[in-house]
Amino acid sequence: MTEAGGGAKSDAEHERPPGVIHPTVVAELRSFALWARPLAVVVVVMGLLGVMYMAPAVDPGKHLHQFPIVVVNADTGALQPGTDQKQYLGQQLLEGLQAGVDEQYPGKFDLDVVDRSTALTRLDNAHAYGAIFIPANFSSASFAFLGSAIGDTKVDQPVIEVFTNPGVGAVATQIATQFFTRSMAQVNQQFGERLTAALVQQTDAAGIKVTGAGLTAITEPINVQESAANPLPDNAGSGLTAFYYALLLVLAGFTGTMIISALIDGRLGFAPVELGPMYELRKRVPISRLGTLVVKWWAIFWVSLIVSGLFVLTSSLVGMYAPNKMALWMFGVLVITGVGIIANAILSIFGSAGLLINLIFFVVLGLPTSGGTVPLEAVPGFFRGLAVGEPLHQAFIGARSILYFEANIDAGLGTAIGMFLVFTVIGLIFGPIACVIYDRKGLIRRPDEATESTGSHAAAV
């Protein structure tokens, strides 16, 4: 179907006997632009996709930067046996730990010494990926264990607790676990050497001969106990369900916008609608660009109410751990609406090129900067800088807070809500501005005349 006017050719002008190819088709098939443009765009986008996806995932340890670990030193010290000097072995151990980390992992780990309450709060807020707790009796327990090496009384080893934080993600937990395994083994060895030297000095002064078994017992004196600060149930996907849920929300807003835009443009007569062999181009409805944009915005809002509920229902049906379903639904509405508003604004500003811009913004740049698979502290700095303005990262930290941290505002939910409000406001401002400018300049969504496939420049649309 074609519309009259505007220089469009009739169907009869294009009719040719069966088996005869129209000269225009032949000319177009020989055109360099027909083949070069799509090939160039696809190659560039896929090349960018490959680099963005593979670069952060290959070696997270190589890119570690200020990976947050909190340390609590509650040791109150104890008198060294045979002297009147009070020793603070916990502080000595901490200094050895910090020196070792600075030497072996310069800039990679951020060991922040805090009190117990602050440490627990940071774990609960996902601001720390692991924690080390040196107990109040560490010095006294260490000296008691030292004494047991030359006596008959069995004394328990001094204990240090280390905690992972599974809610921050599987890779972040793995990095924290590897750090604890290596660093605490080194600290244990150094502390054992120090205790061994103290034991030899003490026994030599008393004329006591220490057996090999007694020395062996204190070579690794510390009992390092590892556990999870915020353990997740089995149906939390090892901390990955938040990422996949956030990805669903962003894709719902992004792909929903593309579908809504195509269908509404078809209904209003701005684009053809094809269903199999059926082709329809409706008569254009006299509605402005701004009016069309508002219609699309309302459509994505109504979609967000339904689809967010559908995702919550689906999560329940598959048995996903989701204790705060109402918060999850409301956050989903915000994310889908926010993404839809800014995606539609981009389409209204850039037209068909907006499809490519949306793809790059929401998908190509979104996944590697999300922090959902590899934490941002383990990706190159370029990705960390992009993450702040990427909807997928904000959706992830918001979903993670709701699913794993009791919808704690300080665990990322507050930041996510604020950023999606910013995204929404940006779309609500710049989309209409562009539409009003285009409308006032008479750049309506209709060509002035049909454009020959191999002829002059295309008319403004």
Protein backbone atom coordinates (compact mmCIF):
# COMPACT_ATOMS: atom_id res chain seq x y z
CA MET A 1 0.00 0.00 0.00
CA THR A 2 1.32 3.47 -0.83
CA GLU A 3 -0.04 6.90 -0.13
CA ALA A 4 -0.92 9.41 -2.83
CA GLY A 5 1.13 12.56 -3.22
CA GLY A 6 4.64 13.27 -2.17
CA GLY A 7 6.07 12.08 -5.47
CA ALA A 8 5.50 8.41 -4.75
CA LYS A 9 5.45 6.20 -7.83
CA SER A 10 2.50 3.99 -8.55
CA ASP A 11 2.69 0.22 -8.41
CA ALA A 12 2.27 0.06 -12.20
CA GLU A 13 5.53 1.94 -12.75
CA HIS A 14 7.37 -0.82 -10.93
CA GLU A 15 5.69 -3.74 -12.66
CA ARG A 16 7.94 -5.92 -14.82
CA PRO A 17 7.39 -9.20 -16.62
CA PRO A 18 8.10 -12.30 -14.51
CA GLY A 19 11.81 -13.03 -14.21
CA VAL A 20 12.89 -9.50 -15.18
CA ILE A 21 14.67 -7.57 -12.44
CA HIS A 22 13.89 -3.88 -12.17
CA PRO A 23 16.88 -1.69 -13.14
CA THR A 24 16.66 0.13 -9.81
CA VAL A 25 17.09 -3.17 -7.95
CA VAL A 26 20.14 -4.02 -10.05
CA ALA A 27 21.65 -0.60 -9.40
CA GLU A 28 21.01 -0.87 -5.69
CA LEU A 29 22.53 -4.35 -5.47
CA ARG A 30 25.66 -2.96 -7.10
CA SER A 31 25.78 -0.05 -4.68
CA PHE A 32 28.72 -0.03 -2.27
CA ALA A 33 26.62 1.62 0.43
CA LEU A 34 24.07 -1.22 0.49
CA TRP A 35 26.73 -3.68 1.63
CA ALA A 36 29.27 -1.46 3.37
CA ARG A 37 27.04 0.35 5.84
CA PRO A 38 25.40 -2.63 7.57
CA LEU A 39 28.67 -4.56 7.54
CA ALA A 40 30.57 -1.66 9.09
CA VAL A 41 27.97 -1.03 11.79
CA VAL A 42 27.70 -4.69 12.78
CA VAL A 43 31.47 -5.20 12.84
CA VAL A 44 32.03 -2.09 14.98
CA VAL A 45 29.24 -2.94 17.43
CA MET A 46 30.27 -6.60 17.76
CA GLY A 47 33.92 -5.63 18.12
CA LEU A 48 33.00 -3.23 20.88
CA LEU A 49 30.83 -5.91 22.44
CA GLY A 50 33.68 -8.41 22.44
CA VAL A 51 36.16 -6.00 24.02
CA MET A 52 33.73 -4.74 26.64
CA TYR A 53 32.63 -8.21 27.70
CA MET A 54 35.94 -10.05 27.67
CA ALA A 55 38.29 -7.40 29.11
CA PRO A 56 36.81 -7.33 32.64
CA ALA A 57 36.26 -11.08 32.90
CA VAL A 58 39.62 -12.53 31.86
CA ASP A 59 41.68 -11.76 34.99
CA PRO A 60 39.80 -9.91 37.76
CA GLY A 61 42.80 -10.18 40.10
CA LYS A 62 44.94 -8.19 37.69
CA HIS A 63 42.64 -5.17 37.91
CA LEU A 64 41.94 -5.23 41.64
CA HIS A 65 41.75 -1.74 43.09
CA GLN A 66 40.87 -0.86 46.69
CA PHE A 67 38.94 -4.09 47.29
CA PRO A 68 37.24 -3.26 50.63
CA ILE A 69 38.15 -5.40 53.66
CA VAL A 70 37.45 -4.23 57.22
CA VAL A 71 39.63 -5.24 60.15
CA VAL A 72 38.61 -5.17 63.81
CA ASN A 73 41.38 -5.32 66.41
CA ALA A 74 39.71 -5.71 69.80
CA ASP A 75 42.80 -7.19 71.52
CA THR A 76 43.27 -5.74 75.02
CA GLY A 77 46.81 -7.08 75.45
CA ALA A 78 48.34 -9.25 78.16
CA LEU A 79 51.45 -9.46 80.35
CA GLN A 80 54.23 -11.44 78.76
CA PRO A 81 55.04 -14.45 80.96
CA GLY A 82 58.08 -13.90 83.18
CA THR A 83 58.02 -10.10 82.69
CA ASP A 84 56.03 -7.10 83.81
CA GLN A 85 55.65 -5.85 80.25
CA LYS A 86 52.25 -5.76 78.60
CA GLN A 87 52.23 -6.92 75.02
CA TYR A 88 49.60 -6.23 72.36
CA LEU A 89 50.03 -9.17 70.03
CA GLY A 90 46.89 -8.28 68.08
CA GLN A 91 48.38 -4.94 67.09
CA GLN A 92 51.66 -6.59 66.12
CA LEU A 93 49.79 -9.10 63.99
CA LEU A 94 47.77 -6.32 62.35
CA GLU A 95 50.89 -4.35 61.51
CA GLY A 96 52.42 -7.46 59.93
CA LEU A 97 49.24 -8.04 57.93
CA GLN A 98 49.16 -4.46 56.64
CA ALA A 99 52.85 -4.52 55.73
CA GLY A 100 52.43 -7.80 53.85
CA VAL A 101 49.39 -6.56 51.92
CA ASP A 102 51.09 -3.27 51.00
CA GLU A 103 54.13 -5.17 49.77
CA GLN A 104 52.44 -7.99 47.87
CA TYR A 105 49.20 -6.28 46.76
CA PRO A 106 49.97 -2.56 46.48
CA GLY A 107 46.74 -0.64 45.94
CA LYS A 108 44.68 -3.78 45.39
CA PHE A 109 43.11 -4.17 48.84
CA ASP A 110 41.77 -1.49 51.17
CA LEU A 111 42.25 -2.69 54.76
CA ASP A 112 40.24 -0.32 56.91
CA VAL A 113 40.67 -0.74 60.67
CA VAL A 114 37.34 -0.01 62.39
CA ASP A 115 35.40 -1.01 65.47
CA ARG A 116 33.16 -4.06 65.53
CA SER A 117 29.89 -2.14 65.14
CA THR A 118 31.18 -0.26 62.08
CA ALA A 119 32.48 -3.46 60.54
CA LEU A 120 29.13 -5.23 60.90
CA THR A 121 27.31 -2.21 59.49
CA ARG A 122 29.55 -2.13 56.42
CA LEU A 123 29.03 -5.83 55.86
CA ASP A 124 25.27 -5.34 56.14
CA ASN A 125 25.41 -2.38 53.74
CA ALA A 126 27.55 -4.20 51.15
CA HIS A 127 30.27 -1.59 51.68
CA ALA A 128 32.76 -4.30 52.74
CA TYR A 129 33.38 -7.57 50.94
CA GLY A 130 35.09 -9.26 53.86
CA ALA A 131 36.16 -8.75 57.46
CA ILE A 132 38.87 -9.86 59.89
CA PHE A 133 38.11 -9.93 63.64
CA ILE A 134 40.94 -10.12 66.20
CA PRO A 135 39.27 -10.92 69.56
CA ALA A 136 39.85 -9.15 72.89
CA ASN A 137 41.68 -12.15 74.41
CA PHE A 138 44.06 -12.69 71.51
CA SER A 139 47.23 -11.79 73.45
CA SER A 140 46.28 -13.74 76.58
CA ALA A 141 45.18 -16.75 74.52
CA SER A 142 48.44 -16.63 72.55
CA PHE A 143 50.60 -16.56 75.70
CA ALA A 144 48.54 -19.38 77.22
CA PHE A 145 49.05 -21.45 74.08
CA LEU A 146 52.76 -20.60 74.18
CA GLY A 147 52.97 -21.91 77.72
CA SER A 148 51.27 -25.15 76.77
CA ALA A 149 54.19 -25.98 74.48
CA ILE A 150 56.36 -26.70 77.54
CA GLY A 151 53.66 -28.02 79.84
CA ASP A 152 51.23 -30.89 79.99
CA THR A 153 48.06 -28.80 79.87
CA LYS A 154 46.29 -28.65 76.53
CA VAL A 155 45.28 -25.10 75.60
CA ASP A 156 43.21 -24.06 72.58
CA GLN A 157 44.85 -22.03 69.85
CA PRO A 158 44.18 -18.28 69.69
CA VAL A 159 41.33 -17.61 67.26
CA ILE A 160 40.90 -15.05 64.50
CA GLU A 161 37.58 -14.87 62.65
CA VAL A 162 37.33 -13.96 58.98
CA PHE A 163 34.03 -13.28 57.26
CA THR A 164 33.02 -13.26 53.61
CA ASN A 165 29.94 -11.42 52.36
CA PRO A 166 28.15 -13.66 49.81
CA GLY A 167 25.53 -11.03 49.02
CA VAL A 168 28.07 -8.90 47.13
CA GLY A 169 28.49 -11.60 44.47
CA ALA A 170 30.19 -14.90 43.76
CA VAL A 171 33.37 -13.46 42.24
CA ALA A 172 33.79 -10.91 45.05
CA THR A 173 33.36 -13.69 47.60
CA GLN A 174 35.92 -15.82 45.78
CA ILE A 175 38.43 -12.95 45.76
CA ALA A 176 37.89 -12.36 49.48
CA THR A 177 38.30 -16.07 50.24
CA GLN A 178 41.55 -16.27 48.27
CA PHE A 179 42.83 -13.17 50.05
CA PHE A 180 42.08 -14.64 53.46
CA THR A 181 43.68 -17.98 52.57
CA ARG A 182 46.94 -16.42 51.39
CA SER A 183 47.28 -13.48 53.76
CA MET A 184 46.30 -15.35 56.91
CA ALA A 185 48.64 -18.25 56.08
CA GLN A 186 51.50 -15.76 55.84
CA VAL A 187 50.46 -13.97 59.02
CA ASN A 188 50.13 -17.29 60.83
CA GLN A 189 53.64 -18.29 59.80
CA GLN A 190 55.15 -14.95 60.85
CA PHE A 191 53.32 -15.02 64.16
CA GLY A 192 54.48 -18.58 64.75
CA GLU A 193 58.08 -17.56 64.16
CA ARG A 194 57.69 -14.74 66.67
CA LEU A 195 56.18 -17.03 69.29
CA THR A 196 58.86 -19.64 68.66
CA ALA A 197 61.59 -17.07 69.27
CA ALA A 198 59.85 -15.92 72.45
CA LEU A 199 59.49 -19.52 73.63
CA VAL A 200 63.17 -20.32 73.04
CA GLN A 201 64.22 -17.16 74.86
CA GLN A 202 61.91 -17.96 77.78
CA THR A 203 63.00 -21.60 78.12
CA ASP A 204 66.71 -20.90 77.71
CA ALA A 205 66.51 -18.40 80.56
CA ALA A 206 64.81 -21.04 82.73
CA GLY A 207 67.17 -23.80 81.66
CA ILE A 208 64.36 -25.82 80.09
CA LYS A 209 64.89 -27.88 76.97
CA VAL A 210 62.01 -27.57 74.48
CA THR A 211 61.24 -30.69 72.46
CA GLY A 212 60.69 -30.66 68.71
CA ALA A 213 57.01 -31.43 69.25
CA GLY A 214 56.62 -28.36 71.41
CA LEU A 215 58.18 -26.12 68.78
CA THR A 216 56.13 -27.69 66.00
CA ALA A 217 52.91 -26.97 67.87
CA ILE A 218 53.43 -23.22 67.66
CA THR A 219 54.69 -22.91 64.08
CA GLU A 220 51.14 -22.08 62.98
CA PRO A 221 49.48 -21.08 66.24
CA ILE A 222 46.40 -19.21 64.99
CA ASN A 223 43.10 -20.96 64.41
CA VAL A 224 41.59 -19.02 61.49
CA GLN A 225 37.84 -19.56 61.42
CA GLU A 226 36.07 -18.53 58.21
CA SER A 227 32.33 -18.03 57.87
CA ALA A 228 29.77 -15.93 55.98
CA ALA A 229 28.60 -12.68 57.52
CA ASN A 230 25.34 -12.66 55.58
CA PRO A 231 24.82 -16.25 54.40
CA LEU A 232 22.49 -16.72 51.46
CA PRO A 233 20.08 -19.62 50.97
CA ASP A 234 20.61 -22.11 48.16
CA ASN A 235 17.88 -20.51 46.04
CA ALA A 236 19.78 -17.21 45.83
CA GLY A 237 21.99 -18.50 43.02
CA SER A 238 25.25 -17.89 44.94
CA GLY A 239 24.51 -14.17 44.83
CA LEU A 240 23.77 -14.05 41.10
CA THR A 241 19.97 -13.79 41.17
CA ALA A 242 20.19 -10.04 41.83
CA PHE A 243 22.23 -9.55 38.65
CA TYR A 244 19.91 -11.62 36.48
CA TYR A 245 16.86 -9.91 37.94
CA ALA A 246 18.37 -6.48 37.27
CA LEU A 247 19.18 -7.58 33.72
CA LEU A 248 15.55 -8.63 33.24
CA LEU A 249 14.31 -5.23 34.38
CA VAL A 250 16.65 -3.26 32.10
CA LEU A 251 15.91 -5.51 29.13
CA ALA A 252 12.19 -5.12 29.79
CA GLY A 253 12.55 -1.34 29.61
CA PHE A 254 14.92 -1.42 26.62
CA THR A 255 13.25 -4.08 24.45
CA GLY A 256 9.81 -2.99 25.62
CA THR A 257 10.56 0.48 24.33
CA MET A 258 11.68 -0.87 20.95
CA ILE A 259 8.51 -2.97 20.60
CA ILE A 260 6.19 -0.21 21.78
CA SER A 261 7.83 2.34 19.49
CA ALA A 262 7.51 0.11 16.42
CA LEU A 263 3.89 -0.82 17.11
CA ILE A 264 2.73 2.70 17.95
CA ASP A 265 4.53 4.16 14.93
CA GLY A 266 2.81 1.52 12.80
CA ARG A 267 -0.58 2.27 14.30
CA LEU A 268 -0.14 6.02 13.82
CA GLY A 269 1.01 5.58 10.22
CA PHE A 270 4.65 6.61 10.65
CA ALA A 271 6.10 3.21 9.80
CA PRO A 272 4.91 0.12 7.96
CA VAL A 273 3.69 -2.94 9.82
CA GLU A 274 4.68 -6.35 8.47
CA LEU A 275 3.26 -9.65 9.71
CA GLY A 276 4.55 -12.45 7.53
CA PRO A 277 3.49 -11.67 3.98
CA MET A 278 1.09 -8.96 5.13
CA TYR A 279 2.32 -5.39 4.66
CA GLU A 280 0.36 -2.39 5.89
CA LEU A 281 1.12 1.31 5.90
CA ARG A 282 -1.73 3.14 7.57
CA LYS A 283 -2.74 6.71 6.85
CA ARG A 284 -0.73 9.03 9.06
CA VAL A 285 -2.47 10.41 12.11
CA PRO A 286 -1.93 14.19 12.45
CA ILE A 287 -0.07 14.01 15.77
CA SER A 288 3.11 15.87 16.65
CA ARG A 289 6.43 14.32 17.63
CA LEU A 290 5.85 15.42 21.20
CA GLY A 291 2.40 13.86 21.25
CA THR A 292 3.79 10.59 19.90
CA LEU A 293 6.52 10.58 22.56
CA VAL A 294 4.00 11.10 25.36
CA VAL A 295 1.86 8.24 24.06
CA LYS A 296 4.90 5.95 24.10
CA TRP A 297 5.82 7.03 27.61
CA TRP A 298 2.36 6.21 28.91
CA ALA A 299 2.53 2.84 27.17
CA ILE A 300 5.87 1.90 28.82
CA PHE A 301 4.52 2.99 32.21
CA TRP A 302 1.50 0.69 31.94
CA VAL A 303 3.79 -2.07 30.72
CA SER A 304 6.08 -1.57 33.72
CA LEU A 305 3.20 -2.12 36.17
CA ILE A 306 2.32 -5.43 34.55
CA VAL A 307 5.77 -6.75 33.65
CA SER A 308 7.30 -5.97 37.03
CA GLY A 309 4.51 -7.95 38.66
CA LEU A 310 5.04 -10.73 36.13
CA PHE A 311 8.73 -10.94 37.05
CA VAL A 312 7.92 -11.11 40.77
CA LEU A 313 5.38 -13.86 40.09
CA THR A 314 7.84 -15.77 37.91
CA SER A 315 10.49 -15.53 40.60
CA SER A 316 8.09 -17.03 43.12
CA LEU A 317 7.08 -19.82 40.76
CA VAL A 318 10.68 -20.87 40.14
CA GLY A 319 11.46 -20.70 43.87
CA MET A 320 13.87 -17.76 43.85
CA TYR A 321 14.79 -16.24 47.20
CA ALA A 322 12.84 -12.97 47.26
CA PRO A 323 11.73 -11.95 50.77
CA ASN A 324 10.63 -8.39 49.88
CA LYS A 325 8.26 -8.90 46.96
CA MET A 326 6.42 -5.58 47.24
CA ALA A 327 9.67 -3.62 47.29
CA LEU A 328 10.90 -5.70 44.37
CA TRP A 329 7.75 -4.90 42.38
CA MET A 330 7.91 -1.16 43.08
CA PHE A 331 11.62 -1.03 42.23
CA GLY A 332 10.91 -2.94 39.01
CA VAL A 333 8.27 -0.38 38.01
CA LEU A 334 10.79 2.42 38.60
CA VAL A 335 13.55 0.71 36.60
CA ILE A 336 11.40 -0.27 33.60
CA THR A 337 9.73 3.14 33.49
CA GLY A 338 13.02 5.01 33.86
CA VAL A 339 14.74 2.97 31.16
CA GLY A 340 11.70 3.29 28.89
CA ILE A 341 11.48 7.05 29.30
CA ILE A 342 15.13 7.72 28.51
CA ALA A 343 15.20 5.11 25.69
CA ASN A 344 12.14 6.69 24.05
CA ALA A 345 13.71 10.13 24.47
CA ILE A 346 16.84 8.91 22.66
CA LEU A 347 14.68 7.54 19.84
CA SER A 348 12.79 10.81 19.56
CA ILE A 349 16.04 12.78 19.36
CA PHE A 350 18.08 10.54 17.03
CA GLY A 351 15.42 8.62 15.13
CA SER A 352 16.49 5.24 13.77
CA ALA A 353 20.06 5.85 14.99
CA GLY A 354 18.59 5.83 18.49
CA LEU A 355 18.16 2.05 18.19
CA LEU A 356 21.92 1.66 17.96
CA ILE A 357 22.57 4.23 20.68
CA ASN A 358 20.17 2.45 23.03
CA LEU A 359 21.79 -0.90 22.28
CA ILE A 360 25.23 0.43 23.14
CA PHE A 361 24.10 2.36 26.21
CA PHE A 362 21.89 -0.25 27.83
CA VAL A 363 23.51 -3.52 26.71
CA VAL A 364 27.01 -3.17 25.29
CA LEU A 365 28.22 -0.83 28.04
CA GLY A 366 25.77 -2.04 30.65
CA LEU A 367 26.81 -5.64 31.27
CA PRO A 368 30.57 -5.16 31.87
CA THR A 369 29.93 -2.18 34.17
CA SER A 370 27.09 -3.75 36.16
CA GLY A 371 29.22 -5.19 38.95
CA GLY A 372 26.87 -8.14 39.02
CA THR A 373 29.33 -10.77 37.84
CA VAL A 374 32.74 -9.18 38.41
CA PRO A 375 32.85 -6.52 41.17
CA LEU A 376 33.76 -3.03 40.04
CA GLU A 377 36.88 -3.15 42.24
CA ALA A 378 38.15 -5.95 39.98
CA VAL A 379 37.61 -4.34 36.55
CA PRO A 380 39.72 -1.73 34.71
CA GLY A 381 39.24 1.85 35.85
CA PHE A 382 37.47 2.80 32.62
CA PHE A 383 34.59 0.50 33.51
CA ARG A 384 34.38 1.79 37.07
CA GLY A 385 33.97 5.32 35.73
CA LEU A 386 31.18 4.30 33.36
CA ALA A 387 29.27 2.36 35.99
CA VAL A 388 27.92 5.42 37.79
CA GLY A 389 25.83 6.45 34.79
CA GLU A 390 24.83 2.97 33.63
CA PRO A 391 21.24 1.88 34.38
CA LEU A 392 22.18 -1.81 34.70
CA HIS A 393 24.67 -1.12 37.50
CA GLN A 394 22.11 0.95 39.37
CA ALA A 395 19.46 -1.72 38.83
CA PHE A 396 21.85 -4.36 40.15
CA ILE A 397 22.77 -2.60 43.40
CA GLY A 398 19.09 -1.83 44.00
CA ALA A 399 17.96 -5.41 43.35
CA ARG A 400 20.85 -6.73 45.45
CA SER A 401 19.83 -4.55 48.37
CA ILE A 402 16.21 -5.74 48.16
CA LEU A 403 17.03 -9.44 47.72
CA TYR A 404 20.02 -9.91 50.04
CA PHE A 405 20.22 -6.95 52.42
CA GLU A 406 16.62 -6.51 53.59
CA ALA A 407 15.92 -3.59 51.23
CA ASN A 408 18.49 -1.52 53.12
CA ILE A 409 18.61 2.00 51.70
CA ASP A 410 22.32 2.28 52.55
CA ALA A 411 23.14 -0.99 50.76
CA GLY A 412 22.67 0.61 47.34
CA LEU A 413 18.89 0.92 47.13
CA GLY A 414 18.91 4.62 47.93
CA THR A 415 21.56 5.33 45.30
CA ALA A 416 19.70 3.26 42.71
CA ILE A 417 16.38 5.01 43.33
CA GLY A 418 18.05 8.41 43.13
CA MET A 419 19.84 7.59 39.87
CA PHE A 420 16.72 6.22 38.18
CA LEU A 421 14.87 9.37 39.16
CA VAL A 422 17.72 11.30 37.53
CA PHE A 423 17.48 9.15 34.39
CA THR A 424 13.73 9.77 34.30
CA VAL A 425 14.08 13.53 34.71
CA ILE A 426 16.75 13.68 31.98
CA GLY A 427 14.45 11.85 29.58
CA LEU A 428 11.46 13.99 30.53
CA ILE A 429 13.45 17.16 29.85
CA PHE A 430 15.52 16.49 26.75
CA GLY A 431 13.02 14.32 24.87
CA PRO A 432 10.29 16.99 24.78
CA ILE A 433 12.81 19.77 24.07
CA ALA A 434 14.00 17.98 20.94
CA CYS A 435 10.44 17.17 19.87
CA VAL A 436 9.26 20.76 20.28
CA ILE A 437 12.24 22.06 18.29
CA TYR A 438 11.60 19.58 15.49
CA ASP A 439 7.87 20.35 15.47
CA ARG A 440 8.37 24.11 15.37
CA LYS A 441 10.83 23.81 12.52
CA GLY A 442 8.28 21.86 10.55
CA LEU A 443 10.33 18.67 10.60
CA ILE A 444 7.28 16.45 10.64
CA ARG A 445 7.63 12.68 10.43
CA ARG A 446 6.90 12.49 6.71
CA PRO A 447 9.17 12.81 3.69
CA ASP A 448 8.57 15.78 1.41
CA GLU A 449 8.91 13.45 -1.55
CA ALA A 450 9.88 9.89 -2.27
CA THR A 451 13.64 9.41 -2.42
CA GLU A 452 15.17 7.41 -5.24
CA SER A 453 17.25 4.49 -3.95
CA THR A 454 20.29 5.57 -5.96
CA GLY A 455 19.51 9.22 -6.38
CA SER A 456 19.57 12.40 -4.33
CA HIS A 457 19.88 12.86 -0.61
CA ALA A 458 17.02 11.68 1.58
CA ALA A 459 14.53 14.25 2.75
CA ALA A 460 14.36 15.24 6.41
CA VAL A 461 12.14 12.99 8.50
